[in-house]
N, C-alpha and C. Protein backbone atom coordinates (compact mmCIF):
# COMPACT_ATOMS: atom_id res chain seq x y z
N MET A 1 -1.94 6.36 18.18
CA MET A 1 -1.43 6.75 16.87
C MET A 1 -2.38 6.21 15.81
N ALA A 2 -2.77 7.08 14.90
CA ALA A 2 -3.67 6.68 13.81
C ALA A 2 -2.90 5.83 12.79
N LEU A 3 -3.58 4.86 12.22
CA LEU A 3 -2.96 3.95 11.27
C LEU A 3 -3.64 4.10 9.91
N VAL A 4 -2.82 4.28 8.87
CA VAL A 4 -3.30 4.35 7.49
C VAL A 4 -2.60 3.23 6.73
N ILE A 5 -3.38 2.44 5.97
CA ILE A 5 -2.81 1.33 5.21
C ILE A 5 -3.23 1.45 3.75
N TYR A 6 -2.25 1.44 2.86
CA TYR A 6 -2.49 1.38 1.42
C TYR A 6 -2.37 -0.08 0.99
N ASP A 7 -3.39 -0.61 0.32
CA ASP A 7 -3.39 -2.00 -0.14
C ASP A 7 -3.22 -2.08 -1.64
N ILE A 8 -2.31 -2.97 -2.09
CA ILE A 8 -2.10 -3.23 -3.52
C ILE A 8 -2.20 -4.74 -3.74
N PRO A 9 -3.18 -5.19 -4.54
CA PRO A 9 -3.32 -6.63 -4.79
C PRO A 9 -2.27 -7.15 -5.77
N PHE A 10 -2.12 -8.45 -5.80
CA PHE A 10 -1.17 -9.07 -6.73
C PHE A 10 -1.71 -9.08 -8.15
N HIS A 11 -2.99 -9.38 -8.29
CA HIS A 11 -3.59 -9.50 -9.62
C HIS A 11 -4.41 -8.26 -9.98
N PRO A 12 -4.45 -7.92 -11.26
CA PRO A 12 -5.31 -6.80 -11.68
C PRO A 12 -6.78 -7.24 -11.71
N ASP A 13 -7.66 -6.27 -11.90
CA ASP A 13 -9.08 -6.59 -12.04
C ASP A 13 -9.35 -7.08 -13.47
N MET A 14 -10.61 -7.27 -13.81
CA MET A 14 -10.99 -7.78 -15.13
C MET A 14 -10.60 -6.82 -16.26
N ALA A 15 -10.47 -5.53 -15.94
CA ALA A 15 -10.09 -4.53 -16.94
C ALA A 15 -8.57 -4.40 -17.07
N GLY A 16 -7.84 -5.16 -16.26
CA GLY A 16 -6.38 -5.11 -16.30
C GLY A 16 -5.78 -3.97 -15.49
N LEU A 17 -6.54 -3.47 -14.51
CA LEU A 17 -6.05 -2.36 -13.67
C LEU A 17 -5.80 -2.83 -12.25
N TRP A 18 -4.83 -2.19 -11.61
CA TRP A 18 -4.55 -2.43 -10.20
C TRP A 18 -5.17 -1.30 -9.40
N HIS A 19 -5.97 -1.67 -8.41
CA HIS A 19 -6.64 -0.69 -7.57
C HIS A 19 -5.86 -0.51 -6.27
N VAL A 20 -5.59 0.73 -5.93
CA VAL A 20 -4.97 1.04 -4.64
C VAL A 20 -6.09 1.47 -3.71
N GLN A 21 -6.11 0.87 -2.53
CA GLN A 21 -7.10 1.25 -1.52
C GLN A 21 -6.38 1.84 -0.32
N MET A 22 -7.00 2.85 0.28
CA MET A 22 -6.48 3.43 1.52
C MET A 22 -7.51 3.13 2.61
N ASN A 23 -7.12 2.31 3.58
CA ASN A 23 -8.01 1.87 4.64
C ASN A 23 -9.32 1.31 4.08
N GLY A 24 -9.18 0.51 3.00
CA GLY A 24 -10.33 -0.17 2.43
C GLY A 24 -11.15 0.64 1.44
N VAL A 25 -10.77 1.90 1.23
CA VAL A 25 -11.50 2.77 0.30
C VAL A 25 -10.67 2.95 -0.97
N PRO A 26 -11.23 2.64 -2.15
CA PRO A 26 -10.48 2.82 -3.40
C PRO A 26 -10.03 4.26 -3.58
N THR A 27 -8.76 4.44 -4.00
CA THR A 27 -8.24 5.79 -4.21
C THR A 27 -7.86 6.03 -5.67
N GLU A 28 -7.08 5.13 -6.25
CA GLU A 28 -6.57 5.31 -7.62
C GLU A 28 -6.51 3.95 -8.32
N ASN A 29 -6.49 4.00 -9.65
CA ASN A 29 -6.30 2.81 -10.48
C ASN A 29 -5.06 3.01 -11.35
N PHE A 30 -4.33 1.92 -11.59
CA PHE A 30 -3.09 2.01 -12.34
C PHE A 30 -3.00 0.88 -13.37
N GLU A 31 -2.29 1.15 -14.44
CA GLU A 31 -2.13 0.16 -15.51
C GLU A 31 -1.09 -0.89 -15.19
N THR A 32 -0.20 -0.61 -14.22
CA THR A 32 0.81 -1.60 -13.82
C THR A 32 0.85 -1.70 -12.30
N ARG A 33 1.27 -2.85 -11.84
CA ARG A 33 1.42 -3.06 -10.39
C ARG A 33 2.53 -2.18 -9.84
N ILE A 34 3.60 -2.03 -10.61
CA ILE A 34 4.73 -1.19 -10.20
C ILE A 34 4.26 0.25 -9.97
N ALA A 35 3.44 0.77 -10.88
CA ALA A 35 2.93 2.14 -10.73
C ALA A 35 2.05 2.26 -9.49
N ALA A 36 1.26 1.23 -9.21
CA ALA A 36 0.41 1.25 -8.02
C ALA A 36 1.25 1.26 -6.75
N ILE A 37 2.29 0.44 -6.71
CA ILE A 37 3.17 0.39 -5.54
C ILE A 37 3.91 1.71 -5.39
N ALA A 38 4.42 2.26 -6.48
CA ALA A 38 5.14 3.54 -6.42
C ALA A 38 4.24 4.65 -5.88
N TYR A 39 2.99 4.68 -6.32
CA TYR A 39 2.03 5.67 -5.83
C TYR A 39 1.82 5.51 -4.33
N ALA A 40 1.58 4.28 -3.89
CA ALA A 40 1.31 4.03 -2.47
C ALA A 40 2.51 4.41 -1.61
N VAL A 41 3.72 4.10 -2.07
CA VAL A 41 4.92 4.46 -1.30
C VAL A 41 5.06 5.97 -1.23
N GLN A 42 4.85 6.65 -2.35
CA GLN A 42 4.95 8.11 -2.36
C GLN A 42 3.92 8.74 -1.42
N GLN A 43 2.69 8.26 -1.48
CA GLN A 43 1.64 8.81 -0.62
C GLN A 43 1.92 8.49 0.85
N SER A 44 2.46 7.30 1.12
CA SER A 44 2.76 6.94 2.51
C SER A 44 3.85 7.83 3.09
N LYS A 45 4.82 8.21 2.24
CA LYS A 45 5.86 9.12 2.71
C LYS A 45 5.28 10.49 3.03
N LEU A 46 4.39 10.98 2.17
CA LEU A 46 3.77 12.29 2.41
C LEU A 46 2.91 12.28 3.66
N LEU A 47 2.08 11.26 3.82
CA LEU A 47 1.23 11.18 5.00
C LEU A 47 2.04 10.91 6.27
N GLY A 48 3.11 10.14 6.12
CA GLY A 48 3.94 9.79 7.28
C GLY A 48 4.62 10.99 7.91
N MET A 49 4.71 12.09 7.17
CA MET A 49 5.31 13.30 7.72
C MET A 49 4.37 14.01 8.69
N GLN A 50 3.10 13.65 8.66
CA GLN A 50 2.13 14.26 9.57
C GLN A 50 2.24 13.61 10.94
N ASN A 51 2.13 14.40 11.96
CA ASN A 51 2.23 13.89 13.34
C ASN A 51 1.08 12.95 13.66
N GLY A 52 1.39 11.90 14.36
CA GLY A 52 0.37 10.99 14.84
C GLY A 52 -0.13 9.98 13.83
N LEU A 53 0.52 9.84 12.69
CA LEU A 53 0.10 8.87 11.69
C LEU A 53 1.17 7.81 11.48
N GLN A 54 0.75 6.56 11.53
CA GLN A 54 1.61 5.46 11.10
C GLN A 54 1.05 5.00 9.77
N VAL A 55 1.88 5.00 8.73
CA VAL A 55 1.41 4.66 7.38
C VAL A 55 2.15 3.43 6.89
N LEU A 56 1.39 2.46 6.41
CA LEU A 56 1.96 1.22 5.88
C LEU A 56 1.46 0.98 4.47
N VAL A 57 2.27 0.28 3.70
CA VAL A 57 1.88 -0.17 2.36
C VAL A 57 1.78 -1.68 2.45
N SER A 58 0.58 -2.21 2.18
CA SER A 58 0.33 -3.64 2.25
C SER A 58 0.26 -4.19 0.82
N VAL A 59 1.16 -5.12 0.52
CA VAL A 59 1.28 -5.65 -0.84
C VAL A 59 1.01 -7.15 -0.80
N GLU A 60 0.09 -7.60 -1.67
CA GLU A 60 -0.20 -9.03 -1.76
C GLU A 60 0.87 -9.70 -2.62
N GLY A 61 1.44 -10.77 -2.11
CA GLY A 61 2.46 -11.51 -2.85
C GLY A 61 1.83 -12.55 -3.76
N ALA A 62 2.65 -13.15 -4.61
CA ALA A 62 2.19 -14.20 -5.52
C ALA A 62 1.64 -15.40 -4.76
N ASP A 63 2.07 -15.56 -3.51
CA ASP A 63 1.61 -16.65 -2.67
C ASP A 63 0.30 -16.34 -1.96
N GLY A 64 -0.28 -15.15 -2.22
CA GLY A 64 -1.54 -14.76 -1.61
C GLY A 64 -1.40 -14.15 -0.23
N ILE A 65 -0.18 -14.06 0.27
CA ILE A 65 0.05 -13.48 1.60
C ILE A 65 0.27 -11.98 1.46
N TRP A 66 -0.41 -11.23 2.33
CA TRP A 66 -0.26 -9.77 2.36
C TRP A 66 0.86 -9.42 3.32
N ARG A 67 1.75 -8.52 2.87
CA ARG A 67 2.88 -8.08 3.69
C ARG A 67 2.86 -6.56 3.80
N GLU A 68 3.06 -6.08 5.02
CA GLU A 68 3.05 -4.65 5.26
C GLU A 68 4.47 -4.09 5.29
N PHE A 69 4.64 -2.95 4.63
CA PHE A 69 5.92 -2.26 4.58
C PHE A 69 5.74 -0.83 5.07
N GLU A 70 6.78 -0.31 5.72
CA GLU A 70 6.77 1.11 6.06
C GLU A 70 7.08 1.89 4.79
N SER A 71 7.00 3.21 4.86
CA SER A 71 7.15 4.03 3.66
C SER A 71 8.52 3.91 2.99
N ASN A 72 9.53 3.39 3.70
CA ASN A 72 10.83 3.19 3.04
C ASN A 72 10.81 1.96 2.13
N ALA A 73 9.76 1.13 2.26
CA ALA A 73 9.52 -0.05 1.41
C ALA A 73 10.70 -1.01 1.35
N LYS A 74 11.52 -1.04 2.39
CA LYS A 74 12.70 -1.90 2.37
C LYS A 74 12.46 -3.28 2.94
N ARG A 75 11.64 -3.41 3.95
CA ARG A 75 11.40 -4.72 4.54
C ARG A 75 10.03 -4.77 5.18
N PRO A 76 9.45 -5.95 5.26
CA PRO A 76 8.13 -6.07 5.90
C PRO A 76 8.17 -5.65 7.37
N VAL A 77 7.06 -5.14 7.84
CA VAL A 77 6.91 -4.77 9.24
C VAL A 77 6.64 -6.05 10.01
N GLY A 78 7.37 -6.24 11.11
CA GLY A 78 7.19 -7.44 11.91
C GLY A 78 5.82 -7.55 12.54
N ARG A 79 5.34 -6.46 13.10
CA ARG A 79 4.00 -6.41 13.68
C ARG A 79 3.58 -4.97 13.80
N LEU A 80 2.29 -4.76 13.80
CA LEU A 80 1.77 -3.40 13.93
C LEU A 80 1.91 -2.92 15.35
N GLN A 81 2.19 -1.63 15.50
CA GLN A 81 2.35 -1.06 16.83
C GLN A 81 1.06 -0.47 17.32
């Protein structure tokens, strides 16, 4: 099963933007972290409908720890399959 991961950092860049990356490649920039997370969740739901794809949203917490969520964004994934 192919794995796609959207990454959203905790802190913005020097310009005050949050960068969303898909498998390490920048995709979009947002003025708020909430908008970046909403975009990643929406895109993960769309991609998750395709056969053979596991899509996760990885969000960096204030503690510096990255946590992966499935497209329902309700709870962290225990481990990757």
